[in-house]
N, C-alpha and C. Protein backbone atom coordinates (compact mmCIF):
# COMPACT_ATOMS: atom_id res chain seq x y z
N MET A 1 25.49 -39.99 -48.91
CA MET A 1 24.82 -38.78 -48.28
C MET A 1 25.84 -37.82 -47.72
N LYS A 2 25.70 -36.68 -47.91
CA LYS A 2 26.80 -35.65 -47.40
C LYS A 2 26.21 -35.19 -45.96
N LEU A 3 27.24 -34.95 -45.10
CA LEU A 3 26.66 -34.35 -43.84
C LEU A 3 26.50 -32.98 -44.00
N PRO A 4 25.72 -32.34 -43.22
CA PRO A 4 25.39 -30.96 -43.32
C PRO A 4 26.48 -29.94 -42.70
N LEU A 5 26.67 -28.76 -43.30
CA LEU A 5 27.55 -27.82 -42.72
C LEU A 5 26.87 -27.21 -41.66
N LEU A 6 27.28 -27.01 -40.44
CA LEU A 6 26.72 -26.46 -39.20
C LEU A 6 27.65 -25.35 -38.80
N SER A 7 27.00 -24.35 -38.02
CA SER A 7 27.80 -23.32 -37.44
C SER A 7 28.16 -23.74 -35.96
N GLY A 8 29.10 -23.16 -35.27
CA GLY A 8 29.44 -23.32 -33.87
C GLY A 8 28.11 -23.27 -33.06
N ARG A 9 27.33 -22.25 -33.26
CA ARG A 9 26.20 -21.93 -32.62
C ARG A 9 25.25 -23.19 -32.65
N GLN A 10 24.99 -23.65 -33.88
CA GLN A 10 24.13 -24.84 -34.02
C GLN A 10 24.61 -26.12 -33.36
N VAL A 11 25.98 -26.29 -33.31
CA VAL A 11 26.59 -27.47 -32.61
C VAL A 11 26.38 -27.23 -31.16
N LEU A 12 26.68 -26.16 -30.67
CA LEU A 12 26.44 -25.75 -29.31
C LEU A 12 24.98 -26.09 -28.86
N ALA A 13 24.02 -25.63 -29.62
CA ALA A 13 22.63 -25.92 -29.14
C ALA A 13 22.24 -27.33 -29.32
N ALA A 14 22.69 -28.09 -30.21
CA ALA A 14 22.61 -29.42 -30.30
C ALA A 14 23.12 -30.24 -29.22
N LEU A 15 24.41 -29.96 -28.86
CA LEU A 15 25.01 -30.62 -27.73
C LEU A 15 24.27 -30.28 -26.36
N THR A 16 23.96 -29.12 -26.20
CA THR A 16 23.12 -28.76 -25.08
C THR A 16 21.91 -29.47 -24.91
N ARG A 17 21.09 -29.71 -26.03
CA ARG A 17 19.96 -30.46 -26.03
C ARG A 17 20.19 -32.08 -25.63
N LEU A 18 21.38 -32.43 -25.97
CA LEU A 18 21.81 -33.87 -25.69
C LEU A 18 22.38 -34.00 -24.31
N GLY A 19 22.49 -32.91 -23.49
CA GLY A 19 22.81 -32.98 -21.96
C GLY A 19 24.11 -32.58 -21.73
N PHE A 20 24.85 -31.87 -22.59
CA PHE A 20 26.31 -31.54 -22.45
C PHE A 20 26.16 -30.15 -21.86
N THR A 21 27.20 -29.69 -21.07
CA THR A 21 27.14 -28.30 -20.44
C THR A 21 28.57 -27.77 -20.84
N GLU A 22 28.51 -26.57 -21.16
CA GLU A 22 29.85 -25.84 -21.53
C GLU A 22 30.65 -25.57 -20.21
N VAL A 23 31.93 -26.06 -20.30
CA VAL A 23 32.72 -25.95 -18.97
C VAL A 23 33.90 -25.05 -19.29
N HIS A 24 34.22 -24.82 -20.61
CA HIS A 24 35.37 -23.79 -20.78
C HIS A 24 35.31 -23.26 -22.22
N ARG A 25 35.79 -22.14 -22.39
CA ARG A 25 35.78 -21.43 -23.80
C ARG A 25 37.00 -20.52 -23.62
N LYS A 26 37.77 -20.75 -24.72
CA LYS A 26 39.06 -19.92 -24.82
C LYS A 26 39.19 -19.73 -26.25
N GLY A 27 39.36 -18.55 -26.76
CA GLY A 27 39.59 -18.17 -28.20
C GLY A 27 38.40 -18.67 -29.00
N SER A 28 38.57 -19.42 -29.93
CA SER A 28 37.39 -19.95 -30.69
C SER A 28 37.27 -21.48 -30.51
N HIS A 29 37.53 -21.93 -29.22
CA HIS A 29 37.16 -23.35 -28.95
C HIS A 29 36.36 -23.49 -27.67
N VAL A 30 35.45 -24.39 -27.70
CA VAL A 30 34.43 -24.62 -26.62
C VAL A 30 34.68 -26.13 -26.16
N LYS A 31 34.72 -26.15 -24.90
CA LYS A 31 34.80 -27.55 -24.20
C LYS A 31 33.47 -27.81 -23.48
N MET A 32 32.85 -28.91 -23.83
CA MET A 32 31.70 -29.23 -23.27
C MET A 32 31.76 -30.62 -22.55
N LYS A 33 31.08 -30.86 -21.46
CA LYS A 33 31.18 -32.15 -20.65
C LYS A 33 29.73 -32.64 -20.51
N HIS A 34 29.57 -33.98 -20.50
CA HIS A 34 28.46 -34.47 -20.16
C HIS A 34 28.32 -35.21 -18.72
N ALA A 35 27.44 -35.36 -18.13
CA ALA A 35 27.24 -36.02 -16.83
C ALA A 35 28.01 -37.36 -16.70
N ASP A 36 28.08 -38.13 -17.66
CA ASP A 36 28.61 -39.47 -17.77
C ASP A 36 30.10 -39.53 -18.02
N GLY A 37 30.68 -38.29 -18.04
CA GLY A 37 32.07 -38.12 -18.30
C GLY A 37 32.72 -37.83 -19.64
N ARG A 38 31.87 -37.84 -20.68
CA ARG A 38 32.28 -37.61 -22.03
C ARG A 38 32.69 -36.24 -22.21
N VAL A 39 33.69 -35.80 -22.92
CA VAL A 39 34.07 -34.52 -23.18
C VAL A 39 34.28 -34.28 -24.66
N ILE A 40 33.86 -33.13 -25.08
CA ILE A 40 33.81 -32.77 -26.56
C ILE A 40 34.55 -31.25 -26.61
N VAL A 41 35.43 -31.09 -27.50
CA VAL A 41 35.98 -29.74 -27.91
C VAL A 41 35.83 -29.50 -29.35
N PHE A 42 35.37 -28.48 -29.65
CA PHE A 42 35.05 -28.02 -31.01
C PHE A 42 35.27 -26.51 -31.31
N PRO A 43 35.45 -26.27 -32.59
CA PRO A 43 35.81 -24.86 -32.81
C PRO A 43 34.45 -24.12 -33.03
N PHE A 44 34.45 -22.96 -32.37
CA PHE A 44 33.20 -22.02 -32.54
C PHE A 44 33.25 -21.09 -33.62
N HIS A 45 33.34 -21.67 -34.78
CA HIS A 45 33.45 -20.83 -36.14
C HIS A 45 31.96 -20.71 -36.77
N ASP A 46 32.02 -19.93 -37.88
CA ASP A 46 30.70 -19.75 -38.58
C ASP A 46 30.53 -21.01 -39.34
N GLU A 47 31.49 -21.69 -39.82
CA GLU A 47 31.12 -23.04 -40.50
C GLU A 47 32.20 -23.97 -39.97
N ILE A 48 31.78 -25.19 -39.54
CA ILE A 48 32.57 -26.28 -39.01
C ILE A 48 32.64 -27.27 -40.04
N ASP A 49 33.91 -27.70 -40.27
CA ASP A 49 34.15 -28.82 -41.25
C ASP A 49 33.15 -30.02 -41.00
N ARG A 50 32.48 -30.59 -42.15
CA ARG A 50 31.64 -31.69 -42.09
C ARG A 50 32.20 -32.92 -41.18
N TYR A 51 33.44 -33.16 -41.18
CA TYR A 51 34.00 -34.35 -40.63
C TYR A 51 34.65 -34.02 -39.15
N THR A 52 34.49 -32.87 -38.68
CA THR A 52 35.00 -32.60 -37.40
C THR A 52 34.32 -33.32 -36.32
């Protein structure tokens, strides 16, 4: 099964629904943090690689 291609906007919305909040954005990268301490940084592009 192939993973779907998602845009940065879709990833941002999905992580927000999971309880992450945006803490920093510089250039094309977004840093999000969860209340339990997890941190995710991802590129905010039109298409994000399936395996990112």
